[in-house]
Amino acid sequence: MKFSLLPQGQRFDLGGEIYVKDGPLTARGAAGGGQKIIPRSAQVTPLSQAEPRSSSAPEALAAQAILDAFERYHRECLSCLDQLALEVSPETLAAARDRLERARGAFMKSAAPPKL
């Protein structure tokens, strides 16, 4: 199939490398590579969005590293709140903790992989 016929966001194979189409003439490496210009006439092999990939392990590790970093950040925020405990009312502290927990929940919900 020609690259120009792929819909944006479609995963495809080009020369043994997996890419995701992100523009009319551009694609990015599925494993986190930078953008690459792809000729419209290039012959590519479309891949199913749900198809398991051999490169998914590095992506999963990268995703887990991001979630781990976020959790460290969240714990630091809560620690900062604890340090403010002597300076603000218990109600204000509870409200701030609640807001942080809701923001964390929203982040985790948006970061969750789609159900197939």
PDB file of N, CA and C in Angstrom:
ATOM      1  N   MET A   1       0.849  -1.171   0.000  1.00  0.00           N
ATOM      2  CA  MET A   1       0.000   0.000   0.000  1.00  0.00           C
ATOM      3  C   MET A   1       0.898   1.239   0.000  1.00  0.00           C
ATOM      4  N   LYS A   2       0.466   2.284  -0.682  1.00  0.00           N
ATOM      5  CA  LYS A   2       1.228   3.527  -0.717  1.00  0.00           C
ATOM      6  C   LYS A   2       1.030   4.288   0.595  1.00  0.00           C
ATOM      7  N   PHE A   3       2.103   4.932   1.042  1.00  0.00           N
ATOM      8  CA  PHE A   3       2.073   5.710   2.281  1.00  0.00           C
ATOM      9  C   PHE A   3       0.953   6.742   2.268  1.00  0.00           C
ATOM     10  N   SER A   4       0.729   7.378   1.126  1.00  0.00           N
ATOM     11  CA  SER A   4      -0.283   8.438   1.038  1.00  0.00           C
ATOM     12  C   SER A   4      -1.695   7.935   1.332  1.00  0.00           C
ATOM     13  N   LEU A   5      -1.936   6.632   1.191  1.00  0.00           N
ATOM     14  CA  LEU A   5      -3.281   6.085   1.416  1.00  0.00           C
ATOM     15  C   LEU A   5      -3.545   5.719   2.873  1.00  0.00           C
ATOM     16  N   LEU A   6      -2.507   5.722   3.712  1.00  0.00           N
ATOM     17  CA  LEU A   6      -2.702   5.397   5.127  1.00  0.00           C
ATOM     18  C   LEU A   6      -3.404   6.549   5.843  1.00  0.00           C
ATOM     19  N   PRO A   7      -4.312   6.235   6.767  1.00  0.00           N
ATOM     20  CA  PRO A   7      -4.903   7.298   7.579  1.00  0.00           C
ATOM     21  C   PRO A   7      -3.894   7.756   8.637  1.00  0.00           C
ATOM     22  N   GLN A   8      -4.016   8.994   9.052  1.00  0.00           N
ATOM     23  CA  GLN A   8      -3.133   9.506  10.087  1.00  0.00           C
ATOM     24  C   GLN A   8      -3.317   8.688  11.373  1.00  0.00           C
ATOM     25  N   GLY A   9      -2.206   8.381  12.048  1.00  0.00           N
ATOM     26  CA  GLY A   9      -2.246   7.569  13.258  1.00  0.00           C
ATOM     27  C   GLY A   9      -2.077   6.087  13.003  1.00  0.00           C
ATOM     28  N   GLN A  10      -2.099   5.677  11.746  1.00  0.00           N
ATOM     29  CA  GLN A  10      -1.963   4.259  11.384  1.00  0.00           C
ATOM     30  C   GLN A  10      -0.523   3.799  11.582  1.00  0.00           C
ATOM     31  N   ARG A  11      -0.362   2.645  12.184  1.00  0.00           N
ATOM     32  CA  ARG A  11       0.953   2.016  12.318  1.00  0.00           C
ATOM     33  C   ARG A  11       1.265   1.282  11.023  1.00  0.00           C
ATOM     34  N   PHE A  12       2.549   1.277  10.639  1.00  0.00           N
ATOM     35  CA  PHE A  12       2.937   0.577   9.416  1.00  0.00           C
ATOM     36  C   PHE A  12       4.401   0.151   9.503  1.00  0.00           C
ATOM     37  N   ASP A  13       4.751  -0.793   8.640  1.00  0.00           N
ATOM     38  CA  ASP A  13       6.115  -1.299   8.539  1.00  0.00           C
ATOM     39  C   ASP A  13       6.723  -0.749   7.260  1.00  0.00           C
ATOM     40  N   LEU A  14       7.941  -0.236   7.395  1.00  0.00           N
ATOM     41  CA  LEU A  14       8.684   0.242   6.232  1.00  0.00           C
ATOM     42  C   LEU A  14      10.118  -0.244   6.400  1.00  0.00           C
ATOM     43  N   GLY A  15      10.502  -1.218   5.593  1.00  0.00           N
ATOM     44  CA  GLY A  15      11.860  -1.747   5.653  1.00  0.00           C
ATOM     45  C   GLY A  15      12.221  -2.390   6.984  1.00  0.00           C
ATOM     46  N   GLY A  16      11.262  -3.041   7.611  1.00  0.00           N
ATOM     47  CA  GLY A  16      11.532  -3.711   8.875  1.00  0.00           C
ATOM     48  C   GLY A  16      11.436  -2.811  10.098  1.00  0.00           C
ATOM     49  N   GLU A  17      11.157  -1.535   9.908  1.00  0.00           N
ATOM     50  CA  GLU A  17      10.976  -0.587  11.010  1.00  0.00           C
ATOM     51  C   GLU A  17       9.482  -0.269  11.150  1.00  0.00           C
ATOM     52  N   ILE A  18       9.033  -0.117  12.399  1.00  0.00           N
ATOM     53  CA  ILE A  18       7.626   0.205  12.652  1.00  0.00           C
ATOM     54  C   ILE A  18       7.503   1.715  12.878  1.00  0.00           C
ATOM     55  N   TYR A  19       6.553   2.327  12.168  1.00  0.00           N
ATOM     56  CA  TYR A  19       6.303   3.767  12.256  1.00  0.00           C
ATOM     57  C   TYR A  19       4.818   4.014  12.494  1.00  0.00           C
ATOM     58  N   VAL A  20       4.519   5.268  12.854  1.00  0.00           N
ATOM     59  CA  VAL A  20       3.140   5.732  12.970  1.00  0.00           C
ATOM     60  C   VAL A  20       3.022   6.980  12.106  1.00  0.00           C
ATOM     61  N   LYS A  21       2.058   6.986  11.192  1.00  0.00           N
ATOM     62  CA  LYS A  21       1.877   8.147  10.317  1.00  0.00           C
ATOM     63  C   LYS A  21       1.354   9.301  11.159  1.00  0.00           C
ATOM     64  N   ASP A  22       2.065  10.449  11.098  1.00  0.00           N
ATOM     65  CA  ASP A  22       1.608  11.598  11.873  1.00  0.00           C
ATOM     66  C   ASP A  22       1.423  12.850  11.025  1.00  0.00           C
ATOM     67  N   GLY A  23       1.519  12.705   9.734  1.00  0.00           N
ATOM     68  CA  GLY A  23       1.277  13.825   8.834  1.00  0.00           C
ATOM     69  C   GLY A  23       1.221  13.316   7.407  1.00  0.00           C
ATOM     70  N   PRO A  24       0.912  14.181   6.440  1.00  0.00           N
ATOM     71  CA  PRO A  24       0.787  13.737   5.054  1.00  0.00           C
ATOM     72  C   PRO A  24       2.093  13.187   4.477  1.00  0.00           C
ATOM     73  N   LEU A  25       3.237  13.669   4.971  1.00  0.00           N
ATOM     74  CA  LEU A  25       4.531  13.203   4.485  1.00  0.00           C
ATOM     75  C   LEU A  25       5.459  12.768   5.618  1.00  0.00           C
ATOM     76  N   THR A  26       4.942  12.665   6.830  1.00  0.00           N
ATOM     77  CA  THR A  26       5.814  12.360   7.965  1.00  0.00           C
ATOM     78  C   THR A  26       5.278  11.198   8.796  1.00  0.00           C
ATOM     79  N   ALA A  27       6.237  10.556   9.457  1.00  0.00           N
ATOM     80  CA  ALA A  27       5.916   9.471  10.381  1.00  0.00           C
ATOM     81  C   ALA A  27       6.926   9.539  11.514  1.00  0.00           C
ATOM     82  N   ARG A  28       6.569   8.954  12.639  1.00  0.00           N
ATOM     83  CA  ARG A  28       7.506   8.879  13.767  1.00  0.00           C
ATOM     84  C   ARG A  28       7.714   7.411  14.099  1.00  0.00           C
ATOM     85  N   GLY A  29       8.889   7.105  14.598  1.00  0.00           N
ATOM     86  CA  GLY A  29       9.196   5.735  14.985  1.00  0.00           C
ATOM     87  C   GLY A  29       8.267   5.297  16.106  1.00  0.00           C
ATOM     88  N   ALA A  30       7.697   4.110  15.994  1.00  0.00           N
ATOM     89  CA  ALA A  30       6.763   3.617  17.008  1.00  0.00           C
ATOM     90  C   ALA A  30       7.455   3.383  18.332  1.00  0.00           C
ATOM     91  N   ALA A  31       8.766   3.161  18.319  1.00  0.00           N
ATOM     92  CA  ALA A  31       9.514   2.906  19.552  1.00  0.00           C
ATOM     93  C   ALA A  31      10.140   4.182  20.093  1.00  0.00           C
ATOM     94  N   GLY A  32       9.592   5.329  19.694  1.00  0.00           N
ATOM     95  CA  GLY A  32      10.068   6.580  20.241  1.00  0.00           C
ATOM     96  C   GLY A  32      11.056   7.331  19.367  1.00  0.00           C
ATOM     97  N   GLY A  33      11.220   6.922  18.144  1.00  0.00           N
ATOM     98  CA  GLY A  33      12.137   7.621  17.254  1.00  0.00           C
ATOM     99  C   GLY A  33      11.587   8.974  16.849  1.00  0.00           C
ATOM    100  N   GLY A  34      12.440   9.778  16.239  1.00  0.00           N
ATOM    101  CA  GLY A  34      12.027  11.095  15.780  1.00  0.00           C
ATOM    102  C   GLY A  34      11.212  11.015  14.498  1.00  0.00           C
ATOM    103  N   GLN A  35      10.856  12.195  13.995  1.00  0.00           N
ATOM    104  CA  GLN A  35      10.068  12.256  12.769  1.00  0.00           C
ATOM    105  C   GLN A  35      10.928  11.931  11.560  1.00  0.00           C
ATOM    106  N   LYS A  36      10.284  11.359  10.568  1.00  0.00           N
ATOM    107  CA  LYS A  36      10.963  11.001   9.326  1.00  0.00           C
ATOM    108  C   LYS A  36      10.042  11.367   8.164  1.00  0.00           C
ATOM    109  N   ILE A  37      10.608  11.909   7.116  1.00  0.00           N
ATOM    110  CA  ILE A  37       9.828  12.210   5.909  1.00  0.00           C
ATOM    111  C   ILE A  37       9.720  10.924   5.101  1.00  0.00           C
ATOM    112  N   ILE A  38       8.496  10.601   4.715  1.00  0.00           N
ATOM    113  CA  ILE A  38       8.219   9.394   3.937  1.00  0.00           C
ATOM    114  C   ILE A  38       7.608   9.843   2.603  1.00  0.00           C
ATOM    115  N   PRO A  39       8.178   9.430   1.484  1.00  0.00           N
ATOM    116  CA  PRO A  39       7.581   9.786   0.192  1.00  0.00           C
ATOM    117  C   PRO A  39       6.148   9.248   0.090  1.00  0.00           C
ATOM    118  N   ARG A  40       5.284  10.020  -0.517  1.00  0.00           N
ATOM    119  CA  ARG A  40       3.878   9.621  -0.658  1.00  0.00           C
ATOM    120  C   ARG A  40       3.757   8.288  -1.388  1.00  0.00           C
ATOM    121  N   SER A  41       4.675   8.034  -2.301  1.00  0.00           N
ATOM    122  CA  SER A  41       4.594   6.814  -3.105  1.00  0.00           C
ATOM    123  C   SER A  41       5.272   5.605  -2.465  1.00  0.00           C
ATOM    124  N   ALA A  42       5.867   5.784  -1.283  1.00  0.00           N
ATOM    125  CA  ALA A  42       6.563   4.669  -0.630  1.00  0.00           C
ATOM    126  C   ALA A  42       5.595   3.525  -0.366  1.00  0.00           C
ATOM    127  N   GLN A  43       6.045   2.319  -0.647  1.00  0.00           N
ATOM    128  CA  GLN A  43       5.236   1.127  -0.388  1.00  0.00           C
ATOM    129  C   GLN A  43       5.443   0.708   1.072  1.00  0.00           C
ATOM    130  N   VAL A  44       4.353   0.681   1.832  1.00  0.00           N
ATOM    131  CA  VAL A  44       4.415   0.340   3.248  1.00  0.00           C
ATOM    132  C   VAL A  44       3.432  -0.792   3.527  1.00  0.00           C
ATOM    133  N   THR A  45       3.635  -1.452   4.662  1.00  0.00           N
ATOM    134  CA  THR A  45       2.730  -2.519   5.079  1.00  0.00           C
ATOM    135  C   THR A  45       1.959  -2.041   6.292  1.00  0.00           C
ATOM    136  N   PRO A  46       0.642  -1.779   6.136  1.00  0.00           N
ATOM    137  CA  PRO A  46      -0.145  -1.329   7.291  1.00  0.00           C
ATOM    138  C   PRO A  46      -0.200  -2.425   8.360  1.00  0.00           C
ATOM    139  N   LEU A  47      -0.202  -2.008   9.608  1.00  0.00           N
ATOM    140  CA  LEU A  47      -0.313  -2.940  10.724  1.00  0.00           C
ATOM    141  C   LEU A  47      -1.591  -2.632  11.493  1.00  0.00           C
ATOM    142  N   SER A  48      -2.191  -3.671  12.015  1.00  0.00           N
ATOM    143  CA  SER A  48      -3.397  -3.499  12.827  1.00  0.00           C
ATOM    144  C   SER A  48      -3.042  -2.708  14.069  1.00  0.00           C
ATOM    145  N   GLN A  49      -3.918  -1.821  14.499  1.00  0.00           N
ATOM    146  CA  GLN A  49      -3.690  -1.048  15.709  1.00  0.00           C
ATOM    147  C   GLN A  49      -3.539  -1.970  16.914  1.00  0.00           C
ATOM    148  N   ALA A  50      -4.226  -3.107  16.918  1.00  0.00           N
ATOM    149  CA  ALA A  50      -4.216  -4.012  18.067  1.00  0.00           C
ATOM    150  C   ALA A  50      -3.159  -5.103  17.933  1.00  0.00           C
ATOM    151  N   GLU A  51      -2.444  -5.113  16.816  1.00  0.00           N
ATOM    152  CA  GLU A  51      -1.472  -6.180  16.591  1.00  0.00           C
ATOM    153  C   GLU A  51      -0.310  -6.075  17.572  1.00  0.00           C
ATOM    154  N   PRO A  52       0.031  -7.168  18.246  1.00  0.00           N
ATOM    155  CA  PRO A  52       1.186  -7.122  19.143  1.00  0.00           C
ATOM    156  C   PRO A  52       2.453  -6.889  18.344  1.00  0.00           C
ATOM    157  N   ARG A  53       3.384  -6.137  18.928  1.00  0.00           N
ATOM    158  CA  ARG A  53       4.623  -5.814  18.237  1.00  0.00           C
ATOM    159  C   ARG A  53       5.788  -6.311  19.060  1.00  0.00           C
ATOM    160  N   SER A  54       6.838  -6.678  18.383  1.00  0.00           N
ATOM    161  CA  SER A  54       8.035  -7.107  19.088  1.00  0.00           C
ATOM    162  C   SER A  54       8.681  -5.935  19.801  1.00  0.00           C
ATOM    163  N   SER A  55       8.424  -4.709  19.357  1.00  0.00           N
ATOM    164  CA  SER A  55       9.027  -3.538  19.987  1.00  0.00           C
ATOM    165  C   SER A  55       8.187  -3.014  21.148  1.00  0.00           C
ATOM    166  N   SER A  56       7.138  -3.731  21.553  1.00  0.00           N
ATOM    167  CA  SER A  56       6.281  -3.230  22.616  1.00  0.00           C
ATOM    168  C   SER A  56       6.960  -3.255  23.973  1.00  0.00           C
ATOM    169  N   ALA A  57       7.932  -4.135  24.172  1.00  0.00           N
ATOM    170  CA  ALA A  57       8.615  -4.192  25.466  1.00  0.00           C
ATOM    171  C   ALA A  57       9.316  -2.873  25.786  1.00  0.00           C
ATOM    172  N   PRO A  58      10.099  -2.283  24.862  1.00  0.00           N
ATOM    173  CA  PRO A  58      10.706  -0.985  25.179  1.00  0.00           C
ATOM    174  C   PRO A  58       9.660   0.104  25.425  1.00  0.00           C
ATOM    175  N   GLU A  59       8.561   0.074  24.675  1.00  0.00           N
ATOM    176  CA  GLU A  59       7.515   1.065  24.881  1.00  0.00           C
ATOM    177  C   GLU A  59       6.879   0.897  26.257  1.00  0.00           C
ATOM    178  N   ALA A  60       6.648  -0.349  26.656  1.00  0.00           N
ATOM    179  CA  ALA A  60       6.057  -0.599  27.968  1.00  0.00           C
ATOM    180  C   ALA A  60       7.003  -0.145  29.066  1.00  0.00           C
ATOM    181  N   LEU A  61       8.308  -0.381  28.884  1.00  0.00           N
ATOM    182  CA  LEU A  61       9.279   0.071  29.869  1.00  0.00           C
ATOM    183  C   LEU A  61       9.299   1.585  29.955  1.00  0.00           C
ATOM    184  N   ALA A  62       9.230   2.253  28.803  1.00  0.00           N
ATOM    185  CA  ALA A  62       9.211   3.717  28.800  1.00  0.00           C
ATOM    186  C   ALA A  62       7.948   4.227  29.483  1.00  0.00           C
ATOM    187  N   ALA A  63       6.812   3.619  29.196  1.00  0.00           N
ATOM    188  CA  ALA A  63       5.562   4.024  29.832  1.00  0.00           C
ATOM    189  C   ALA A  63       5.632   3.813  31.337  1.00  0.00           C
ATOM    190  N   GLN A  64       6.197   2.697  31.770  1.00  0.00           N
ATOM    191  CA  GLN A  64       6.324   2.430  33.199  1.00  0.00           C
ATOM    192  C   GLN A  64       7.265   3.438  33.857  1.00  0.00           C
ATOM    193  N   ALA A  65       8.323   3.824  33.168  1.00  0.00           N
ATOM    194  CA  ALA A  65       9.246   4.824  33.711  1.00  0.00           C
ATOM    195  C   ALA A  65       8.543   6.157  33.908  1.00  0.00           C
ATOM    196  N   ILE A  66       7.662   6.506  32.975  1.00  0.00           N
ATOM    197  CA  ILE A  66       6.899   7.749  33.096  1.00  0.00           C
ATOM    198  C   ILE A  66       5.954   7.672  34.290  1.00  0.00           C
ATOM    199  N   LEU A  67       5.254   6.550  34.425  1.00  0.00           N
ATOM    200  CA  LEU A  67       4.343   6.398  35.563  1.00  0.00           C
ATOM    201  C   LEU A  67       5.099   6.403  36.886  1.00  0.00           C
ATOM    202  N   ASP A  68       6.259   5.767  36.928  1.00  0.00           N
ATOM    203  CA  ASP A  68       7.067   5.778  38.149  1.00  0.00           C
ATOM    204  C   ASP A  68       7.509   7.195  38.498  1.00  0.00           C
ATOM    205  N   ALA A  69       7.941   7.943  37.496  1.00  0.00           N
ATOM    206  CA  ALA A  69       8.356   9.333  37.730  1.00  0.00           C
ATOM    207  C   ALA A  69       7.184  10.164  38.229  1.00  0.00           C
ATOM    208  N   PHE A  70       6.009   9.932  37.650  1.00  0.00           N
ATOM    209  CA  PHE A  70       4.826  10.669  38.104  1.00  0.00           C
ATOM    210  C   PHE A  70       4.507  10.345  39.559  1.00  0.00           C
ATOM    211  N   GLU A  71       4.606   9.076  39.927  1.00  0.00           N
ATOM    212  CA  GLU A  71       4.323   8.683  41.315  1.00  0.00           C
ATOM    213  C   GLU A  71       5.326   9.328  42.278  1.00  0.00           C
ATOM    214  N   ARG A  72       6.599   9.406  41.880  1.00  0.00           N
ATOM    215  CA  ARG A  72       7.588  10.085  42.731  1.00  0.00           C
ATOM    216  C   ARG A  72       7.222  11.559  42.890  1.00  0.00           C
ATOM    217  N   TYR A  73       6.825  12.185  41.793  1.00  0.00           N
ATOM    218  CA  TYR A  73       6.403  13.579  41.826  1.00  0.00           C
ATOM    219  C   TYR A  73       5.198  13.756  42.758  1.00  0.00           C
ATOM    220  N   HIS A  74       4.240  12.862  42.646  1.00  0.00           N
ATOM    221  CA  HIS A  74       3.031  12.944  43.475  1.00  0.00           C
ATOM    222  C   HIS A  74       3.382  12.809  44.959  1.00  0.00           C
ATOM    223  N   ARG A  75       4.251  11.859  45.283  1.00  0.00           N
ATOM    224  CA  ARG A  75       4.675  11.694  46.681  1.00  0.00           C
ATOM    225  C   ARG A  75       5.378  12.955  47.187  1.00  0.00           C
ATOM    226  N   GLU A  76       6.185  13.580  46.344  1.00  0.00           N
ATOM    227  CA  GLU A  76       6.866  14.819  46.742  1.00  0.00           C
ATOM    228  C   GLU A  76       5.861  15.939  46.995  1.00  0.00           C
ATOM    229  N   CYS A  77       4.842  16.021  46.165  1.00  0.00           N
ATOM    230  CA  CYS A  77       3.790  17.020  46.384  1.00  0.00           C
ATOM    231  C   CYS A  77       3.104  16.803  47.728  1.00  0.00           C
ATOM    232  N   LEU A  78       2.782  15.555  48.025  1.00  0.00           N
ATOM    233  CA  LEU A  78       2.143  15.249  49.305  1.00  0.00           C
ATOM    234  C   LEU A  78       3.077  15.573  50.475  1.00  0.00           C
ATOM    235  N   SER A  79       4.352  15.322  50.299  1.00  0.00           N
ATOM    236  CA  SER A  79       5.327  15.658  51.333  1.00  0.00           C
ATOM    237  C   SER A  79       5.378  17.168  51.562  1.00  0.00           C
ATOM    238  N   CYS A  80       5.332  17.931  50.492  1.00  0.00           N
ATOM    239  CA  CYS A  80       5.305  19.396  50.617  1.00  0.00           C
ATOM    240  C   CYS A  80       4.064  19.849  51.384  1.00  0.00           C
ATOM    241  N   LEU A  81       2.949  19.214  51.113  1.00  0.00           N
ATOM    242  CA  LEU A  81       1.726  19.547  51.841  1.00  0.00           C
ATOM    243  C   LEU A  81       1.882  19.263  53.328  1.00  0.00           C
ATOM    244  N   ASP A  82       2.511  18.140  53.643  1.00  0.00           N
ATOM    245  CA  ASP A  82       2.736  17.810  55.050  1.00  0.00           C
ATOM    246  C   ASP A  82       3.562  18.885  55.739  1.00  0.00           C
ATOM    247  N   GLN A  83       4.526  19.459  55.044  1.00  0.00           N
ATOM    248  CA  GLN A  83       5.357  20.509  55.621  1.00  0.00           C
ATOM    249  C   GLN A  83       4.572  21.790  55.852  1.00  0.00           C
ATOM    250  N   LEU A  84       3.514  21.977  55.085  1.00  0.00           N
ATOM    251  CA  LEU A  84       2.668  23.163  55.254  1.00  0.00           C
ATOM    252  C   LEU A  84       1.638  22.989  56.358  1.00  0.00           C
ATOM    253  N   ALA A  85       1.546  21.808  56.905  1.00  0.00           N
ATOM    254  CA  ALA A  85       0.501  21.502  57.879  1.00  0.00           C
ATOM    255  C   ALA A  85       0.473  22.479  59.047  1.00  0.00           C
ATOM    256  N   LEU A  86       1.616  22.997  59.457  1.00  0.00           N
ATOM    257  CA  LEU A  86       1.651  23.926  60.588  1.00  0.00           C
ATOM    258  C   LEU A  86       1.232  25.337  60.197  1.00  0.00           C
ATOM    259  N   GLU A  87       1.210  25.616  58.897  1.00  0.00           N
ATOM    260  CA  GLU A  87       0.931  26.968  58.426  1.00  0.00           C
ATOM    261  C   GLU A  87      -0.491  27.166  57.910  1.00  0.00           C
ATOM    262  N   VAL A  88      -1.193  26.093  57.624  1.00  0.00           N
ATOM    263  CA  VAL A  88      -2.550  26.221  57.085  1.00  0.00           C
ATOM    264  C   VAL A  88      -3.528  25.444  57.955  1.00  0.00           C
ATOM    265  N   SER A  89      -4.795  25.746  57.782  1.00  0.00           N
ATOM    266  CA  SER A  89      -5.819  25.056  58.571  1.00  0.00           C
ATOM    267  C   SER A  89      -5.949  23.611  58.109  1.00  0.00           C
ATOM    268  N   PRO A  90      -6.425  22.733  58.975  1.00  0.00           N
ATOM    269  CA  PRO A  90      -6.631  21.328  58.575  1.00  0.00           C
ATOM    270  C   PRO A  90      -7.582  21.196  57.386  1.00  0.00           C
ATOM    271  N   GLU A  91      -8.574  22.087  57.319  1.00  0.00           N
ATOM    272  CA  GLU A  91      -9.523  22.038  56.207  1.00  0.00           C
ATOM    273  C   GLU A  91      -8.834  22.365  54.881  1.00  0.00           C
ATOM    274  N   THR A  92      -7.975  23.404  54.918  1.00  0.00           N
ATOM    275  CA  THR A  92      -7.246  23.791  53.711  1.00  0.00           C
ATOM    276  C   THR A  92      -6.318  22.673  53.272  1.00  0.00           C
ATOM    277  N   LEU A  93      -5.647  22.061  54.229  1.00  0.00           N
ATOM    278  CA  LEU A  93      -4.746  20.946  53.930  1.00  0.00           C
ATOM    279  C   LEU A  93      -5.511  19.769  53.335  1.00  0.00           C
ATOM    280  N   ALA A  94      -6.659  19.443  53.912  1.00  0.00           N
ATOM    281  CA  ALA A  94      -7.477  18.339  53.404  1.00  0.00           C
ATOM    282  C   ALA A  94      -7.974  18.636  51.988  1.00  0.00           C
ATOM    283  N   ALA A  95      -8.375  19.888  51.751  1.00  0.00           N
ATOM    284  CA  ALA A  95      -8.848  20.261  50.418  1.00  0.00           C
ATOM    285  C   ALA A  95      -7.728  20.151  49.386  1.00  0.00           C
ATOM    286  N   ALA A  96      -6.516  20.571  49.775  1.00  0.00           N
ATOM    287  CA  ALA A  96      -5.376  20.485  48.852  1.00  0.00           C
ATOM    288  C   ALA A  96      -5.035  19.023  48.559  1.00  0.00           C
ATOM    289  N   ARG A  97      -5.045  18.168  49.591  1.00  0.00           N
ATOM    290  CA  ARG A  97      -4.779  16.743  49.383  1.00  0.00           C
ATOM    291  C   ARG A  97      -5.827  16.130  48.448  1.00  0.00           C
ATOM    292  N   ASP A  98      -7.078  16.509  48.661  1.00  0.00           N
ATOM    293  CA  ASP A  98      -8.166  15.990  47.829  1.00  0.00           C
ATOM    294  C   ASP A  98      -7.967  16.400  46.364  1.00  0.00           C
ATOM    295  N   ARG A  99      -7.591  17.653  46.145  1.00  0.00           N
ATOM    296  CA  ARG A  99      -7.349  18.119  44.775  1.00  0.00           C
ATOM    297  C   ARG A  99      -6.198  17.353  44.127  1.00  0.00           C
ATOM    298  N   LEU A 100      -5.125  17.127  44.890  1.00  0.00           N
ATOM    299  CA  LEU A 100      -3.997  16.361  44.345  1.00  0.00           C
ATOM    300  C   LEU A 100      -4.405  14.940  43.999  1.00  0.00           C
ATOM    301  N   GLU A 101      -5.178  14.314  44.849  1.00  0.00           N
ATOM    302  CA  GLU A 101      -5.613  12.937  44.589  1.00  0.00           C
ATOM    303  C   GLU A 101      -6.543  12.867  43.374  1.00  0.00           C
ATOM    304  N   ARG A 102      -7.422  13.852  43.237  1.00  0.00           N
ATOM    305  CA  ARG A 102      -8.302  13.881  42.054  1.00  0.00           C
ATOM    306  C   ARG A 102      -7.484  14.095  40.782  1.00  0.00           C
ATOM    307  N   ALA A 103      -6.488  14.987  40.839  1.00  0.00           N
ATOM    308  CA  ALA A 103      -5.634  15.234  39.675  1.00  0.00           C
ATOM    309  C   ALA A 103      -4.848  13.970  39.329  1.00  0.00           C
ATOM    310  N   ARG A 104      -4.350  13.255  40.345  1.00  0.00           N
ATOM    311  CA  ARG A 104      -3.633  12.004  40.119  1.00  0.00           C
ATOM    312  C   ARG A 104      -4.551  10.984  39.459  1.00  0.00           C
ATOM    313  N   GLY A 105      -5.777  10.865  39.975  1.00  0.00           N
ATOM    314  CA  GLY A 105      -6.738   9.922  39.405  1.00  0.00           C
ATOM    315  C   GLY A 105      -7.049  10.234  37.949  1.00  0.00           C
ATOM    316  N   ALA A 106      -7.216  11.517  37.642  1.00  0.00           N
ATOM    317  CA  ALA A 106      -7.494  11.913  36.255  1.00  0.00           C
ATOM    318  C   ALA A 106      -6.310  11.590  35.359  1.00  0.00           C
ATOM    319  N   PHE A 107      -5.098  11.840  35.855  1.00  0.00           N
ATOM    320  CA  PHE A 107      -3.907  11.516  35.068  1.00  0.00           C
ATOM    321  C   PHE A 107      -3.826  10.023  34.804  1.00  0.00           C
ATOM    322  N   MET A 108      -4.002   9.220  35.851  1.00  0.00           N
ATOM    323  CA  MET A 108      -3.883   7.777  35.694  1.00  0.00           C
ATOM    324  C   MET A 108      -4.965   7.243  34.756  1.00  0.00           C
ATOM    325  N   LYS A 109      -6.148   7.805  34.836  1.00  0.00           N
ATOM    326  CA  LYS A 109      -7.226   7.370  33.944  1.00  0.00           C
ATOM    327  C   LYS A 109      -6.884   7.694  32.480  1.00  0.00           C
ATOM    328  N   SER A 110      -6.325   8.882  32.255  1.00  0.00           N
ATOM    329  CA  SER A 110      -5.983   9.270  30.875  1.00  0.00           C
ATOM    330  C   SER A 110      -4.760   8.511  30.377  1.00  0.00           C
ATOM    331  N   ALA A 111      -3.905   8.057  31.287  1.00  0.00           N
ATOM    332  CA  ALA A 111      -2.693   7.333  30.891  1.00  0.00           C
ATOM    333  C   ALA A 111      -2.924   5.845  30.732  1.00  0.00           C
ATOM    334  N   ALA A 112      -4.085   5.364  31.124  1.00  0.00           N
ATOM    335  CA  ALA A 112      -4.365   3.927  31.050  1.00  0.00           C
ATOM    336  C   ALA A 112      -4.450   3.493  29.592  1.00  0.00           C
ATOM    337  N   PRO A 113      -3.910   2.324  29.270  1.00  0.00           N
ATOM    338  CA  PRO A 113      -3.997   1.844  27.879  1.00  0.00           C
ATOM    339  C   PRO A 113      -5.448   1.572  27.506  1.00  0.00           C
ATOM    340  N   PRO A 114      -5.794   1.782  26.244  1.00  0.00           N
ATOM    341  CA  PRO A 114      -7.167   1.532  25.809  1.00  0.00           C
ATOM    342  C   PRO A 114      -7.499   0.052  25.910  1.00  0.00           C
ATOM    343  N   LYS A 115      -8.758  -0.239  26.244  1.00  0.00           N
ATOM    344  CA  LYS A 115      -9.206  -1.625  26.301  1.00  0.00           C
ATOM    345  C   LYS A 115      -9.582  -2.071  24.905  1.00  0.00           C
ATOM    346  N   LEU A 116      -9.069  -3.231  24.532  1.00  0.00           N
ATOM    347  CA  LEU A 116      -9.325  -3.745  23.181  1.00  0.00           C
ATOM    348  C   LEU A 116     -10.539  -4.631  23.159  1.00  0.00           C
TER     349      LEU A 116
END
